[in-house]
Amino acid sequence: MKTFIVDGYNVIHKIPSLQQQLDKSLEAARKALVELVKRSKPSNTKCIIVFEGKDEYKDMVLPQNNCGINIVFTKTNQEADRYIVDMLKVASKPKDFTIVSEDNYVCNHARGFGADFMSASAFLKDTPHDRCNKKDHTGEEKPGFTDMQKITEELKKLWAK
């Protein structure tokens, strides 16, 4: 089963409607992100949203009935970026993960472990059907993420020399 890992605060700061929620509160922005992810994630997939946290907030509860979305708050002084990379490092099948982040550290490590990655706007904007289907209605391969995969493969060939 495909699992999306969302770099919570990175995504909040990349999506204007979520940034606006920060004017209300950090909690409002987190809840808005959860709602957007609920509507955006493909069916039959899991989703983990990772936020930096503090030990005193470890029991913080976000909205119930998150439709297959798990929410993780890291420990005090533990960055979400590192947490996400560590998840990939210990995963038996990193290729089963798609990382949603625009952080170079996270995306470069995802690439290194063989996981997919996509921008926040691509994840939250496309319909689930479009994201999962790599070909358009004409049978042609869609541009975008697949192009990044091709570039990655070409770079691996060059760097191996």
N, C-alpha and C. Protein backbone atom coordinates (compact mmCIF):
# COMPACT_ATOMS: atom_id res chain seq x y z
N MET A 1 0.84 -1.18 0.00
CA MET A 1 0.00 0.00 0.00
C MET A 1 0.89 1.24 0.00
N LYS A 2 0.56 2.17 -0.84
CA LYS A 2 1.30 3.43 -0.94
C LYS A 2 1.04 4.28 0.30
N THR A 3 2.09 4.87 0.83
CA THR A 3 1.98 5.76 1.98
C THR A 3 2.58 7.11 1.64
N PHE A 4 1.82 8.16 1.88
CA PHE A 4 2.31 9.52 1.70
C PHE A 4 2.77 10.03 3.06
N ILE A 5 3.96 10.62 3.09
CA ILE A 5 4.46 11.27 4.30
C ILE A 5 4.52 12.75 4.00
N VAL A 6 3.76 13.53 4.76
CA VAL A 6 3.65 14.96 4.54
C VAL A 6 4.50 15.70 5.57
N ASP A 7 5.39 16.53 5.09
CA ASP A 7 6.23 17.38 5.93
C ASP A 7 5.36 18.57 6.36
N GLY A 8 4.69 18.43 7.50
CA GLY A 8 3.61 19.30 7.92
C GLY A 8 3.86 20.80 7.81
N TYR A 9 4.83 21.30 8.55
CA TYR A 9 5.03 22.75 8.55
C TYR A 9 5.61 23.25 7.23
N ASN A 10 6.39 22.41 6.55
CA ASN A 10 6.89 22.79 5.23
C ASN A 10 5.71 23.03 4.29
N VAL A 11 4.75 22.14 4.30
CA VAL A 11 3.59 22.27 3.43
C VAL A 11 2.75 23.49 3.83
N ILE A 12 2.55 23.69 5.12
CA ILE A 12 1.77 24.85 5.58
C ILE A 12 2.38 26.15 5.04
N HIS A 13 3.70 26.24 5.05
CA HIS A 13 4.36 27.47 4.60
C HIS A 13 4.44 27.60 3.08
N LYS A 14 4.07 26.55 2.34
CA LYS A 14 4.11 26.60 0.88
C LYS A 14 2.75 26.84 0.24
N ILE A 15 1.68 26.66 0.98
CA ILE A 15 0.33 26.78 0.44
C ILE A 15 -0.31 28.05 1.02
N PRO A 16 -0.61 29.04 0.17
CA PRO A 16 -1.13 30.32 0.66
C PRO A 16 -2.35 30.21 1.57
N SER A 17 -3.31 29.35 1.25
CA SER A 17 -4.50 29.24 2.11
C SER A 17 -4.16 28.73 3.50
N LEU A 18 -3.13 27.89 3.59
CA LEU A 18 -2.69 27.40 4.90
C LEU A 18 -1.88 28.46 5.63
N GLN A 19 -1.06 29.22 4.90
CA GLN A 19 -0.31 30.31 5.52
C GLN A 19 -1.27 31.31 6.15
N GLN A 20 -2.38 31.58 5.50
CA GLN A 20 -3.36 32.52 6.05
C GLN A 20 -3.93 32.03 7.37
N GLN A 21 -4.03 30.72 7.52
CA GLN A 21 -4.54 30.16 8.78
C GLN A 21 -3.59 30.43 9.95
N LEU A 22 -2.32 30.65 9.63
CA LEU A 22 -1.35 30.96 10.68
C LEU A 22 -1.69 32.27 11.39
N ASP A 23 -2.41 33.17 10.69
CA ASP A 23 -2.84 34.42 11.32
C ASP A 23 -3.79 34.15 12.49
N LYS A 24 -4.56 33.06 12.37
CA LYS A 24 -5.46 32.67 13.46
C LYS A 24 -4.67 31.97 14.55
N SER A 25 -4.02 30.88 14.18
CA SER A 25 -3.19 30.12 15.13
C SER A 25 -2.49 28.99 14.39
N LEU A 26 -1.47 28.47 15.02
CA LEU A 26 -0.76 27.31 14.48
C LEU A 26 -1.69 26.11 14.44
N GLU A 27 -2.51 25.98 15.46
CA GLU A 27 -3.47 24.88 15.50
C GLU A 27 -4.46 24.95 14.34
N ALA A 28 -4.93 26.15 14.02
CA ALA A 28 -5.85 26.33 12.89
C ALA A 28 -5.18 25.91 11.58
N ALA A 29 -3.91 26.24 11.42
CA ALA A 29 -3.18 25.85 10.20
C ALA A 29 -3.02 24.34 10.13
N ARG A 30 -2.71 23.72 11.27
CA ARG A 30 -2.57 22.25 11.27
C ARG A 30 -3.90 21.58 10.91
N LYS A 31 -4.99 22.05 11.52
CA LYS A 31 -6.30 21.46 11.24
C LYS A 31 -6.67 21.65 9.76
N ALA A 32 -6.38 22.82 9.22
CA ALA A 32 -6.67 23.08 7.80
C ALA A 32 -5.86 22.15 6.90
N LEU A 33 -4.60 21.90 7.28
CA LEU A 33 -3.78 20.97 6.51
C LEU A 33 -4.39 19.57 6.54
N VAL A 34 -4.81 19.12 7.71
CA VAL A 34 -5.41 17.79 7.82
C VAL A 34 -6.63 17.70 6.91
N GLU A 35 -7.46 18.73 6.89
CA GLU A 35 -8.65 18.72 6.04
C GLU A 35 -8.28 18.69 4.56
N LEU A 36 -7.26 19.45 4.17
CA LEU A 36 -6.82 19.43 2.77
C LEU A 36 -6.27 18.06 2.38
N VAL A 37 -5.51 17.47 3.28
CA VAL A 37 -4.93 16.14 2.98
C VAL A 37 -6.04 15.11 2.86
N LYS A 38 -7.06 15.20 3.72
CA LYS A 38 -8.20 14.28 3.62
C LYS A 38 -8.82 14.31 2.23
N ARG A 39 -8.97 15.51 1.69
CA ARG A 39 -9.60 15.66 0.38
C ARG A 39 -8.65 15.31 -0.77
N SER A 40 -7.36 15.37 -0.53
CA SER A 40 -6.38 15.21 -1.61
C SER A 40 -5.78 13.83 -1.74
N LYS A 41 -5.75 13.08 -0.65
CA LYS A 41 -5.04 11.80 -0.72
C LYS A 41 -5.83 10.79 -1.53
N PRO A 42 -5.13 10.03 -2.35
CA PRO A 42 -5.81 8.99 -3.13
C PRO A 42 -6.43 7.95 -2.21
N SER A 43 -7.54 7.36 -2.63
CA SER A 43 -8.14 6.30 -1.84
C SER A 43 -7.19 5.11 -1.80
N ASN A 44 -7.38 4.28 -0.83
CA ASN A 44 -6.54 3.08 -0.64
C ASN A 44 -5.08 3.42 -0.41
N THR A 45 -4.82 4.57 0.18
CA THR A 45 -3.46 4.93 0.57
C THR A 45 -3.49 5.36 2.03
N LYS A 46 -2.33 5.33 2.64
CA LYS A 46 -2.18 5.85 3.99
C LYS A 46 -1.47 7.18 3.90
N CYS A 47 -1.60 7.97 4.93
CA CYS A 47 -0.93 9.27 4.95
C CYS A 47 -0.46 9.56 6.37
N ILE A 48 0.76 10.02 6.49
CA ILE A 48 1.33 10.40 7.78
C ILE A 48 1.76 11.86 7.66
N ILE A 49 1.23 12.70 8.54
CA ILE A 49 1.64 14.09 8.57
C ILE A 49 2.58 14.25 9.76
N VAL A 50 3.78 14.77 9.49
CA VAL A 50 4.79 14.91 10.54
C VAL A 50 4.99 16.38 10.86
N PHE A 51 4.82 16.73 12.15
CA PHE A 51 5.04 18.08 12.65
C PHE A 51 6.16 18.05 13.68
N GLU A 52 6.97 19.12 13.72
CA GLU A 52 7.90 19.25 14.84
C GLU A 52 7.06 19.46 16.08
N GLY A 53 7.50 18.91 17.18
CA GLY A 53 6.74 19.05 18.41
C GLY A 53 7.62 19.34 19.60
N LYS A 54 7.00 19.34 20.71
CA LYS A 54 7.68 19.47 21.99
C LYS A 54 7.11 18.38 22.88
N ASP A 55 7.94 17.85 23.74
CA ASP A 55 7.49 16.76 24.60
C ASP A 55 6.21 17.09 25.36
N GLU A 56 6.05 18.36 25.80
CA GLU A 56 4.86 18.70 26.57
C GLU A 56 3.58 18.68 25.72
N TYR A 57 3.71 18.64 24.39
CA TYR A 57 2.54 18.58 23.51
C TYR A 57 2.32 17.20 22.93
N LYS A 58 3.01 16.20 23.45
CA LYS A 58 2.96 14.87 22.85
C LYS A 58 1.55 14.27 22.83
N ASP A 59 0.69 14.73 23.73
CA ASP A 59 -0.67 14.19 23.77
C ASP A 59 -1.67 15.08 23.04
N MET A 60 -1.17 16.06 22.30
CA MET A 60 -2.05 16.96 21.57
C MET A 60 -2.88 16.16 20.57
N VAL A 61 -4.15 16.47 20.52
CA VAL A 61 -5.05 15.73 19.66
C VAL A 61 -5.57 16.66 18.57
N LEU A 62 -5.48 16.20 17.34
CA LEU A 62 -6.07 16.91 16.22
C LEU A 62 -7.41 16.23 15.91
N PRO A 63 -8.15 16.75 14.96
CA PRO A 63 -9.50 16.22 14.70
C PRO A 63 -9.53 14.71 14.57
N GLN A 64 -10.58 14.12 15.14
CA GLN A 64 -10.77 12.67 15.04
C GLN A 64 -11.29 12.33 13.65
N ASN A 65 -11.38 11.04 13.37
CA ASN A 65 -11.88 10.56 12.08
C ASN A 65 -11.08 11.16 10.93
N ASN A 66 -9.79 10.92 10.96
CA ASN A 66 -8.90 11.49 9.97
C ASN A 66 -8.77 10.66 8.71
N CYS A 67 -9.64 9.70 8.51
CA CYS A 67 -9.74 8.96 7.24
C CYS A 67 -8.41 8.40 6.77
N GLY A 68 -7.74 7.64 7.60
CA GLY A 68 -6.49 7.02 7.18
C GLY A 68 -5.28 7.93 7.28
N ILE A 69 -5.42 9.02 8.03
CA ILE A 69 -4.31 9.95 8.21
C ILE A 69 -3.80 9.82 9.64
N ASN A 70 -2.52 9.53 9.77
CA ASN A 70 -1.87 9.52 11.08
C ASN A 70 -1.10 10.81 11.26
N ILE A 71 -1.16 11.36 12.45
CA ILE A 71 -0.47 12.61 12.73
C ILE A 71 0.60 12.34 13.78
N VAL A 72 1.82 12.77 13.46
CA VAL A 72 2.96 12.55 14.34
C VAL A 72 3.54 13.89 14.75
N PHE A 73 3.75 14.05 16.05
CA PHE A 73 4.50 15.19 16.57
C PHE A 73 5.83 14.64 17.05
N THR A 74 6.93 15.19 16.54
CA THR A 74 8.24 14.73 16.96
C THR A 74 8.50 15.17 18.39
N LYS A 75 9.56 14.65 18.96
CA LYS A 75 9.96 15.04 20.31
C LYS A 75 10.64 16.40 20.28
N THR A 76 10.80 16.98 21.45
CA THR A 76 11.52 18.25 21.56
C THR A 76 12.89 18.12 20.90
N ASN A 77 13.27 19.13 20.15
CA ASN A 77 14.56 19.19 19.44
C ASN A 77 14.73 18.15 18.34
N GLN A 78 13.68 17.47 17.96
CA GLN A 78 13.75 16.52 16.84
C GLN A 78 13.03 17.15 15.66
N GLU A 79 13.77 17.38 14.60
CA GLU A 79 13.19 17.99 13.41
C GLU A 79 12.34 17.00 12.63
N ALA A 80 11.27 17.49 12.05
CA ALA A 80 10.42 16.64 11.21
C ALA A 80 11.23 16.08 10.04
N ASP A 81 12.12 16.91 9.48
CA ASP A 81 12.94 16.47 8.34
C ASP A 81 13.72 15.20 8.70
N ARG A 82 14.37 15.23 9.84
CA ARG A 82 15.18 14.09 10.28
C ARG A 82 14.28 12.88 10.56
N TYR A 83 13.15 13.13 11.16
CA TYR A 83 12.19 12.06 11.47
C TYR A 83 11.75 11.36 10.18
N ILE A 84 11.43 12.15 9.16
CA ILE A 84 10.99 11.59 7.88
C ILE A 84 12.11 10.77 7.24
N VAL A 85 13.32 11.31 7.24
CA VAL A 85 14.46 10.58 6.67
C VAL A 85 14.70 9.28 7.43
N ASP A 86 14.60 9.33 8.76
CA ASP A 86 14.77 8.12 9.57
C ASP A 86 13.70 7.08 9.26
N MET A 87 12.47 7.54 8.98
CA MET A 87 11.41 6.59 8.60
C MET A 87 11.79 5.85 7.32
N LEU A 88 12.33 6.59 6.37
CA LEU A 88 12.75 5.96 5.10
C LEU A 88 13.92 5.01 5.33
N LYS A 89 14.83 5.42 6.20
CA LYS A 89 16.03 4.62 6.46
C LYS A 89 15.68 3.24 7.01
N VAL A 90 14.67 3.16 7.86
CA VAL A 90 14.32 1.88 8.48
C VAL A 90 13.21 1.13 7.72
N ALA A 91 12.64 1.76 6.70
CA ALA A 91 11.55 1.13 5.95
C ALA A 91 12.07 -0.08 5.17
N SER A 92 11.30 -1.15 5.17
CA SER A 92 11.69 -2.33 4.39
C SER A 92 11.51 -2.08 2.89
N LYS A 93 10.57 -1.20 2.54
CA LYS A 93 10.32 -0.88 1.13
C LYS A 93 10.14 0.63 0.99
N PRO A 94 11.23 1.40 0.96
CA PRO A 94 11.10 2.85 0.83
C PRO A 94 10.38 3.27 -0.45
N LYS A 95 10.37 2.42 -1.46
CA LYS A 95 9.69 2.75 -2.71
C LYS A 95 8.17 2.82 -2.54
N ASP A 96 7.67 2.32 -1.41
CA ASP A 96 6.24 2.39 -1.14
C ASP A 96 5.81 3.74 -0.58
N PHE A 97 6.78 4.65 -0.40
CA PHE A 97 6.50 5.96 0.19
C PHE A 97 6.61 7.07 -0.85
N THR A 98 5.75 8.06 -0.70
CA THR A 98 5.87 9.31 -1.44
C THR A 98 5.95 10.42 -0.41
N ILE A 99 7.01 11.20 -0.49
CA ILE A 99 7.23 12.30 0.45
C ILE A 99 6.65 13.57 -0.16
N VAL A 100 5.86 14.28 0.63
CA VAL A 100 5.28 15.55 0.20
C VAL A 100 6.02 16.65 0.96
N SER A 101 6.94 17.30 0.26
CA SER A 101 7.77 18.33 0.88
C SER A 101 8.48 19.09 -0.22
N GLU A 102 8.89 20.30 0.11
CA GLU A 102 9.71 21.07 -0.82
C GLU A 102 11.06 21.37 -0.18
N ASP A 103 11.39 20.62 0.84
CA ASP A 103 12.66 20.77 1.53
C ASP A 103 13.71 19.94 0.80
N ASN A 104 14.80 20.57 0.39
CA ASN A 104 15.85 19.86 -0.37
C ASN A 104 16.43 18.69 0.40
N TYR A 105 16.66 18.86 1.68
CA TYR A 105 17.22 17.79 2.50
C TYR A 105 16.32 16.56 2.44
N VAL A 106 15.03 16.77 2.65
CA VAL A 106 14.08 15.66 2.66
C VAL A 106 13.98 15.03 1.27
N CYS A 107 13.83 15.85 0.24
CA CYS A 107 13.67 15.32 -1.12
C CYS A 107 14.92 14.60 -1.61
N ASN A 108 16.08 15.13 -1.31
CA ASN A 108 17.32 14.46 -1.73
C ASN A 108 17.48 13.11 -1.05
N HIS A 109 17.14 13.04 0.21
CA HIS A 109 17.21 11.75 0.91
C HIS A 109 16.15 10.79 0.39
N ALA A 110 14.96 11.30 0.11
CA ALA A 110 13.91 10.44 -0.46
C ALA A 110 14.42 9.82 -1.76
N ARG A 111 15.01 10.65 -2.59
CA ARG A 111 15.56 10.17 -3.86
C ARG A 111 16.62 9.10 -3.60
N GLY A 112 17.48 9.35 -2.64
CA GLY A 112 18.55 8.41 -2.32
C GLY A 112 18.04 7.05 -1.85
N PHE A 113 16.93 7.05 -1.14
CA PHE A 113 16.36 5.80 -0.64
C PHE A 113 15.43 5.15 -1.66
N GLY A 114 15.18 5.83 -2.77
CA GLY A 114 14.31 5.27 -3.79
C GLY A 114 12.84 5.58 -3.59
N ALA A 115 12.53 6.48 -2.65
CA ALA A 115 11.14 6.87 -2.43
C ALA A 115 10.77 7.96 -3.43
N ASP A 116 9.49 8.08 -3.70
CA ASP A 116 9.00 9.16 -4.55
C ASP A 116 8.88 10.42 -3.70
N PHE A 117 8.78 11.55 -4.37
CA PHE A 117 8.50 12.80 -3.66
C PHE A 117 7.76 13.71 -4.61
N MET A 118 7.02 14.64 -4.02
CA MET A 118 6.27 15.60 -4.81
C MET A 118 6.10 16.88 -4.01
N SER A 119 5.86 17.96 -4.74
CA SER A 119 5.69 19.26 -4.08
C SER A 119 4.34 19.30 -3.37
N ALA A 120 4.24 20.22 -2.42
CA ALA A 120 3.00 20.41 -1.69
C ALA A 120 1.87 20.79 -2.64
N SER A 121 2.15 21.72 -3.54
CA SER A 121 1.10 22.17 -4.44
C SER A 121 0.64 21.05 -5.37
N ALA A 122 1.55 20.21 -5.82
CA ALA A 122 1.16 19.09 -6.69
C ALA A 122 0.27 18.11 -5.93
N PHE A 123 0.60 17.82 -4.70
CA PHE A 123 -0.19 16.88 -3.91
C PHE A 123 -1.57 17.43 -3.60
N LEU A 124 -1.65 18.68 -3.23
CA LEU A 124 -2.92 19.26 -2.79
C LEU A 124 -3.78 19.79 -3.93
N LYS A 125 -3.20 19.96 -5.10
CA LYS A 125 -3.93 20.54 -6.23
C LYS A 125 -4.52 19.49 -7.16
N ASP A 126 -3.78 18.46 -7.47
CA ASP A 126 -4.24 17.45 -8.41
C ASP A 126 -5.36 16.62 -7.80
N THR A 127 -6.16 16.04 -8.66
CA THR A 127 -7.15 15.10 -8.15
C THR A 127 -6.43 13.79 -7.87
N PRO A 128 -6.93 12.99 -6.93
CA PRO A 128 -6.28 11.71 -6.64
C PRO A 128 -6.14 10.85 -7.89
N HIS A 129 -7.15 10.85 -8.75
CA HIS A 129 -7.07 10.03 -9.97
C HIS A 129 -5.89 10.47 -10.83
N ASP A 130 -5.73 11.79 -10.99
CA ASP A 130 -4.64 12.29 -11.82
C ASP A 130 -3.28 11.94 -11.25
N ARG A 131 -3.14 12.02 -9.92
CA ARG A 131 -1.84 11.75 -9.32
C ARG A 131 -1.45 10.30 -9.48
N CYS A 132 -2.42 9.41 -9.37
CA CYS A 132 -2.10 7.99 -9.41
C CYS A 132 -1.97 7.46 -10.83
N ASN A 133 -2.56 8.14 -11.76
CA ASN A 133 -2.52 7.70 -13.15
C ASN A 133 -1.41 8.47 -13.86
N LYS A 134 -0.38 7.78 -14.30
CA LYS A 134 0.77 8.45 -14.90
C LYS A 134 0.56 8.79 -16.38
N LYS A 135 -0.59 8.39 -16.94
CA LYS A 135 -0.87 8.69 -18.35
C LYS A 135 -2.14 9.53 -18.43
N ASP A 136 -2.19 10.40 -19.42
CA ASP A 136 -3.39 11.22 -19.60
C ASP A 136 -4.40 10.47 -20.45
N HIS A 137 -5.49 11.13 -20.80
CA HIS A 137 -6.57 10.47 -21.53
C HIS A 137 -6.17 10.01 -22.92
N THR A 138 -5.07 10.53 -23.47
CA THR A 138 -4.61 10.10 -24.80
C THR A 138 -3.66 8.92 -24.73
N GLY A 139 -3.30 8.53 -23.51
CA GLY A 139 -2.34 7.44 -23.35
C GLY A 139 -0.90 7.93 -23.26
N GLU A 140 -0.69 9.24 -23.40
CA GLU A 140 0.65 9.82 -23.29
C GLU A 140 1.02 9.97 -21.82
N GLU A 141 2.30 9.78 -21.53
CA GLU A 141 2.76 9.95 -20.17
C GLU A 141 2.68 11.42 -19.78
N LYS A 142 2.18 11.67 -18.57
CA LYS A 142 2.03 13.04 -18.10
C LYS A 142 3.39 13.62 -17.74
N PRO A 143 3.56 14.92 -17.95
CA PRO A 143 4.79 15.56 -17.49
C PRO A 143 4.74 15.73 -15.98
N GLY A 144 5.85 16.06 -15.38
CA GLY A 144 5.86 16.34 -13.94
C GLY A 144 6.73 15.36 -13.21
N PHE A 145 6.11 14.63 -12.28
CA PHE A 145 6.89 13.77 -11.41
C PHE A 145 7.68 12.72 -12.19
N THR A 146 7.08 12.16 -13.22
CA THR A 146 7.78 11.15 -14.01
C THR A 146 9.04 11.74 -14.62
N ASP A 147 8.97 13.02 -15.03
CA ASP A 147 10.16 13.69 -15.55
C ASP A 147 11.26 13.74 -14.50
N MET A 148 10.89 13.98 -13.26
CA MET A 148 11.88 14.02 -12.19
C MET A 148 12.51 12.65 -11.99
N GLN A 149 11.71 11.60 -12.12
CA GLN A 149 12.25 10.25 -12.00
C GLN A 149 13.27 9.99 -13.10
N LYS A 150 12.96 10.42 -14.32
CA LYS A 150 13.89 10.22 -15.44
C LYS A 150 15.19 10.99 -15.20
N ILE A 151 15.06 12.22 -14.71
CA ILE A 151 16.25 13.02 -14.42
C ILE A 151 17.10 12.35 -13.36
N THR A 152 16.44 11.84 -12.33
CA THR A 152 17.16 11.14 -11.25
C THR A 152 17.92 9.95 -11.80
N GLU A 153 17.29 9.16 -12.66
CA GLU A 153 17.96 7.99 -13.24
C GLU A 153 19.16 8.41 -14.09
N GLU A 154 19.01 9.48 -14.86
CA GLU A 154 20.12 9.98 -15.68
C GLU A 154 21.28 10.45 -14.80
N LEU A 155 20.95 11.14 -13.71
CA LEU A 155 21.99 11.60 -12.78
C LEU A 155 22.72 10.42 -12.13
N LYS A 156 21.97 9.39 -11.76
CA LYS A 156 22.60 8.21 -11.17
C LYS A 156 23.60 7.60 -12.15
N LYS A 157 23.23 7.56 -13.43
CA LYS A 157 24.14 7.02 -14.44
C LYS A 157 25.41 7.87 -14.55
N LEU A 158 25.23 9.19 -14.57
CA LEU A 158 26.38 10.10 -14.67
C LEU A 158 27.28 10.00 -13.45
N TRP A 159 26.69 9.98 -12.28
CA TRP A 159 27.48 9.98 -11.06
C TRP A 159 28.17 8.64 -10.81
N ALA A 160 27.66 7.58 -11.42
CA ALA A 160 28.26 6.27 -11.24
C ALA A 160 29.58 6.14 -12.00
N LYS A 161 29.80 7.05 -12.96
CA LYS A 161 31.02 6.97 -13.79
C LYS A 161 32.23 7.44 -13.03
